[in-house]
Amino acid sequence: MRLPLKIGAIFLAPILTAALVIFIFFPGLFTYIKVKHKYENIDRTIPDFEPVSVPEDFEEYSCCDITFLAPADMKDVSNKMSSITKYQKGKQSVMVFDISGTYDRIGVDLWSTQKYDKNDYRHFFRSIDHEFPSTPSNMLLWFEKGELNAKMCLHLRSEDLLVFKEFAYDKNIAWNSEDTWKYNGNGFTCYVNHIYKSTTSGEMWTCLIYPDYNPYREITIWIKNTDDNTARQIASSIKLK
């Protein structure tokens, strides 16, 4: 009986050694294999937005510390009591939101509404040597869509892996809901999105603008009921005042 036991030990030892190496140096290997197989968007990154030329007959509109060019004669039909400015011509509309810091002003910590404890998210970002977003709003979305990738989980363990799995799932859902491009304007960063699977708003384009003087300020533009080329032209014309 001793000889079979010795032969078994000879074959088993390398397997146990390999398992130990994986556990020590690559604890997230099985998660890596899973997300690579399950999520087609896991390694996708945000491409650059390519500005297009704007027709000469477009008109300039100005609000919320930005200007942009859009088809002429769009009427301001916004409710002056709200923080939303709406320009409309027929069914075509451009809406500008400036509600940055609303939750901060009323003392709501948006991390408290997330799946895990805030400290778990802090630990995850510390583990990947990344700045912790002050709010999980769109800053977290841009991290997921542009930076999160499968290799990131290889050295993670415990709660960090749980957070990674949550972000990997969210990233795949986000890319299946909209296409996103990024460009650096003069004094701001803008994310341009084409939403093509929205159950609430239908197909539309959005532009989210973050001024360099305050990257946590967010000015949002919704472009609805227009063709894709016109939406790209409006996005290409955005400027800070």
Protein backbone atom coordinates (compact mmCIF):
# COMPACT_ATOMS: atom_id res chain seq x y z
CA MET A 1 0.00 0.00 0.00
CA ARG A 2 2.89 2.33 0.62
CA LEU A 3 3.97 2.49 -3.05
CA PRO A 4 0.55 3.74 -4.34
CA LEU A 5 0.49 6.29 -1.54
CA LYS A 6 3.94 7.54 -2.51
CA ILE A 7 2.95 7.75 -6.20
CA GLY A 8 -0.23 9.63 -5.24
CA ALA A 9 1.76 12.05 -3.11
CA ILE A 10 4.17 12.69 -6.00
CA PHE A 11 1.31 13.71 -8.30
CA LEU A 12 -0.61 15.56 -5.60
CA ALA A 13 2.30 17.69 -4.38
CA PRO A 14 2.61 19.84 -7.57
CA ILE A 15 -1.16 20.39 -7.61
CA LEU A 16 -1.16 21.55 -4.01
CA THR A 17 1.87 23.75 -4.67
CA ALA A 18 0.18 25.34 -7.68
CA ALA A 19 -3.00 25.91 -5.66
CA LEU A 20 -0.96 27.54 -2.89
CA VAL A 21 0.81 29.82 -5.38
CA ILE A 22 -2.52 30.85 -6.87
CA PHE A 23 -3.99 31.51 -3.43
CA ILE A 24 -1.02 33.63 -2.37
CA PHE A 25 -0.20 35.54 -5.54
CA PHE A 26 -3.40 35.36 -7.66
CA PRO A 27 -6.36 34.99 -5.29
CA GLY A 28 -8.69 36.51 -7.89
CA LEU A 29 -7.77 34.11 -10.72
CA PHE A 30 -11.08 32.26 -10.72
CA THR A 31 -12.98 35.56 -10.67
CA TYR A 32 -10.84 36.69 -13.61
CA ILE A 33 -11.78 33.57 -15.60
CA LYS A 34 -15.45 34.04 -14.71
CA VAL A 35 -15.76 37.69 -15.73
CA LYS A 36 -13.77 37.14 -18.94
CA HIS A 37 -16.25 34.44 -19.91
CA LYS A 38 -19.44 36.12 -18.63
CA TYR A 39 -19.01 39.82 -19.52
CA GLU A 40 -18.13 40.74 -23.10
CA ASN A 41 -17.52 44.36 -22.06
CA ILE A 42 -15.18 43.70 -19.12
CA ASP A 43 -12.06 45.04 -20.90
CA ARG A 44 -13.80 47.73 -22.93
CA THR A 45 -12.53 51.31 -22.56
CA ILE A 46 -14.01 54.70 -23.41
CA PRO A 47 -12.84 55.90 -26.86
CA ASP A 48 -12.15 59.52 -27.77
CA PHE A 49 -14.99 61.61 -29.14
CA GLU A 50 -14.22 63.00 -32.57
CA PRO A 51 -15.74 66.50 -32.97
CA VAL A 52 -17.54 67.24 -36.22
CA SER A 53 -18.04 70.52 -38.06
CA VAL A 54 -21.10 72.60 -37.12
CA PRO A 55 -23.41 74.15 -39.76
CA GLU A 56 -23.14 77.91 -40.16
CA ASP A 57 -26.87 78.38 -39.64
CA PHE A 58 -26.74 76.95 -36.10
CA GLU A 59 -27.49 79.44 -33.33
CA GLU A 60 -25.66 79.93 -30.02
CA TYR A 61 -27.46 79.14 -26.77
CA SER A 62 -26.13 80.04 -23.34
CA CYS A 63 -27.01 78.82 -19.83
CA CYS A 64 -25.51 77.17 -16.74
CA ASP A 65 -21.98 78.50 -17.44
CA ILE A 66 -21.82 76.86 -20.88
CA THR A 67 -22.62 77.76 -24.48
CA PHE A 68 -23.43 75.45 -27.37
CA LEU A 69 -24.62 75.65 -30.97
CA ALA A 70 -27.91 74.07 -32.07
CA PRO A 71 -30.52 74.52 -34.81
CA ALA A 72 -31.81 78.11 -34.94
CA ASP A 73 -35.07 79.33 -33.46
CA MET A 74 -35.29 76.83 -30.60
CA LYS A 75 -37.54 78.42 -27.97
CA ASP A 76 -36.77 78.55 -24.27
CA VAL A 77 -39.76 76.69 -22.79
CA SER A 78 -38.21 75.94 -19.40
CA ASN A 79 -39.89 76.40 -16.07
CA LYS A 80 -38.09 79.41 -14.61
CA MET A 81 -38.61 78.01 -11.10
CA SER A 82 -36.54 74.89 -11.83
CA SER A 83 -32.85 74.23 -12.38
CA ILE A 84 -33.56 72.78 -15.85
CA THR A 85 -33.33 74.91 -18.99
CA LYS A 86 -35.23 73.49 -21.98
CA TYR A 87 -34.99 74.64 -25.59
CA GLN A 88 -37.49 73.19 -28.03
CA LYS A 89 -38.41 73.31 -31.72
CA GLY A 90 -41.19 70.95 -32.68
CA LYS A 91 -40.37 67.58 -31.09
CA GLN A 92 -36.66 68.36 -31.05
CA SER A 93 -35.38 69.50 -27.65
CA VAL A 94 -32.18 70.29 -25.77
CA MET A 95 -32.36 70.26 -21.96
CA VAL A 96 -29.59 71.52 -19.68
CA PHE A 97 -29.40 70.41 -16.03
CA ASP A 98 -27.26 72.00 -13.36
CA ILE A 99 -28.07 70.21 -10.13
CA SER A 100 -24.50 69.61 -8.98
CA GLY A 101 -24.01 69.24 -5.25
CA THR A 102 -27.72 68.87 -4.46
CA TYR A 103 -27.17 65.84 -2.26
CA ASP A 104 -24.12 67.39 -0.61
CA ARG A 105 -26.13 70.47 0.32
CA ILE A 106 -28.82 68.42 2.06
CA GLY A 107 -26.26 66.18 3.76
CA VAL A 108 -26.94 62.90 1.91
CA ASP A 109 -23.98 60.55 1.49
CA LEU A 110 -24.75 58.62 -1.71
CA TRP A 111 -22.30 55.89 -0.71
CA SER A 112 -24.75 54.94 2.04
CA THR A 113 -27.19 53.74 -0.64
CA GLN A 114 -24.68 51.37 -2.27
CA LYS A 115 -24.70 47.60 -1.84
CA TYR A 116 -21.72 47.38 0.53
CA ASP A 117 -20.33 49.52 3.32
CA LYS A 118 -18.51 52.70 2.33
CA ASN A 119 -15.31 51.44 3.96
CA ASP A 120 -15.40 48.37 1.70
CA TYR A 121 -15.39 50.65 -1.35
CA ARG A 122 -12.59 52.74 0.16
CA HIS A 123 -10.55 49.59 0.70
CA PHE A 124 -11.15 48.43 -2.87
CA PHE A 125 -9.89 51.68 -4.38
CA ARG A 126 -6.93 51.68 -2.01
CA SER A 127 -6.11 48.10 -3.08
CA ILE A 128 -5.96 49.10 -6.75
CA ASP A 129 -4.08 52.33 -5.93
CA HIS A 130 -6.86 54.55 -7.27
CA GLU A 131 -8.34 57.77 -5.92
CA PHE A 132 -11.60 57.21 -4.05
CA PRO A 133 -14.49 59.05 -5.80
CA SER A 134 -16.08 61.61 -3.51
CA THR A 135 -19.52 60.53 -4.77
CA PRO A 136 -20.56 57.35 -6.56
CA SER A 137 -22.71 59.18 -9.12
CA ASN A 138 -21.26 59.37 -12.62
CA MET A 139 -17.65 59.47 -11.41
CA LEU A 140 -18.04 55.80 -10.51
CA LEU A 141 -19.69 55.05 -13.85
CA TRP A 142 -16.79 56.54 -15.82
CA PHE A 143 -14.34 54.52 -13.73
CA GLU A 144 -16.28 51.33 -14.45
CA LYS A 145 -16.73 51.99 -18.18
CA GLY A 146 -13.24 53.34 -18.82
CA GLU A 147 -10.81 51.81 -16.32
CA LEU A 148 -12.17 48.63 -14.76
CA ASN A 149 -10.73 45.51 -16.42
CA ALA A 150 -10.43 41.80 -15.77
CA LYS A 151 -6.75 41.82 -14.75
CA MET A 152 -7.58 44.25 -11.96
CA CYS A 153 -9.07 41.43 -9.87
CA LEU A 154 -6.13 39.00 -10.02
CA HIS A 155 -4.54 40.23 -6.79
CA LEU A 156 -7.76 41.06 -4.94
CA ARG A 157 -9.34 38.99 -2.19
CA SER A 158 -12.26 38.96 0.26
CA GLU A 159 -14.45 42.10 0.22
CA ASP A 160 -12.37 43.64 -2.56
CA LEU A 161 -13.41 40.79 -4.86
CA LEU A 162 -17.08 41.29 -3.95
CA VAL A 163 -16.84 44.98 -4.86
CA PHE A 164 -15.05 44.11 -8.10
CA LYS A 165 -17.81 41.65 -9.07
CA GLU A 166 -20.42 44.34 -8.44
CA PHE A 167 -18.54 46.84 -10.63
CA ALA A 168 -17.96 44.24 -13.37
CA TYR A 169 -21.70 43.53 -13.53
CA ASP A 170 -22.54 47.24 -13.57
CA LYS A 171 -20.00 47.87 -16.34
CA ASN A 172 -21.50 45.25 -18.61
CA ILE A 173 -25.03 46.60 -18.06
CA ALA A 174 -23.86 50.17 -18.72
CA TRP A 175 -22.15 49.33 -22.03
CA ASN A 176 -25.21 47.37 -23.13
CA SER A 177 -27.36 50.45 -22.47
CA GLU A 178 -25.35 53.22 -24.10
CA ASP A 179 -22.23 54.02 -26.09
CA THR A 180 -19.84 56.53 -24.53
CA TRP A 181 -17.06 58.78 -25.83
CA LYS A 182 -14.81 61.20 -23.98
CA TYR A 183 -13.16 64.42 -25.04
CA ASN A 184 -11.19 67.15 -23.34
CA GLY A 185 -12.54 70.57 -24.21
CA ASN A 186 -11.04 73.94 -23.38
CA GLY A 187 -11.18 73.90 -19.58
CA PHE A 188 -13.47 70.90 -19.17
CA THR A 189 -13.93 67.18 -19.69
CA CYS A 190 -17.05 65.92 -21.44
CA TYR A 191 -18.57 62.46 -21.71
CA VAL A 192 -20.87 62.06 -24.72
CA ASN A 193 -23.37 59.21 -24.57
CA HIS A 194 -25.76 57.68 -27.07
CA ILE A 195 -28.50 55.98 -25.07
CA TYR A 196 -30.26 53.41 -27.22
CA LYS A 197 -31.98 51.20 -24.67
CA SER A 198 -33.75 53.48 -22.21
CA THR A 199 -37.16 52.41 -20.93
CA THR A 200 -37.86 55.84 -19.42
CA SER A 201 -36.56 58.38 -21.91
CA GLY A 202 -36.25 56.51 -25.19
CA GLU A 203 -33.30 56.96 -27.53
CA MET A 204 -31.33 60.14 -26.96
CA TRP A 205 -27.87 61.67 -26.60
CA THR A 206 -26.43 63.12 -23.40
CA CYS A 207 -23.35 65.24 -22.64
CA LEU A 208 -21.95 65.39 -19.11
CA ILE A 209 -19.54 68.27 -18.61
CA TYR A 210 -17.01 68.53 -15.77
CA PRO A 211 -15.20 71.91 -15.55
CA ASP A 212 -11.50 71.70 -14.67
CA TYR A 213 -11.98 74.25 -11.88
CA ASN A 214 -14.36 71.82 -10.15
CA PRO A 215 -14.33 68.25 -11.57
CA TYR A 216 -17.14 67.29 -9.17
CA ARG A 217 -19.46 69.84 -10.69
CA GLU A 218 -21.61 68.23 -13.36
CA ILE A 219 -23.56 70.04 -16.08
CA THR A 220 -25.75 67.71 -18.12
CA ILE A 221 -27.26 68.14 -21.58
CA TRP A 222 -30.03 65.92 -22.96
CA ILE A 223 -30.54 65.98 -26.74
CA LYS A 224 -33.80 64.32 -27.75
CA ASN A 225 -35.71 63.61 -30.96
CA THR A 226 -32.92 64.56 -33.33
CA ASP A 227 -30.72 62.63 -35.73
CA ASP A 228 -27.32 61.33 -34.64
CA ASN A 229 -25.34 63.77 -36.78
CA THR A 230 -27.11 66.82 -35.31
CA ALA A 231 -26.52 65.48 -31.81
CA ARG A 232 -22.80 65.11 -32.56
CA GLN A 233 -22.72 68.65 -33.94
CA ILE A 234 -24.29 70.06 -30.76
CA ALA A 235 -21.86 68.09 -28.60
CA SER A 236 -18.89 69.30 -30.67
CA SER A 237 -19.83 72.94 -30.07
CA ILE A 238 -19.91 72.93 -26.26
CA LYS A 239 -17.79 75.59 -24.54
CA LEU A 240 -17.44 77.05 -21.08
CA LYS A 241 -18.43 80.71 -20.78
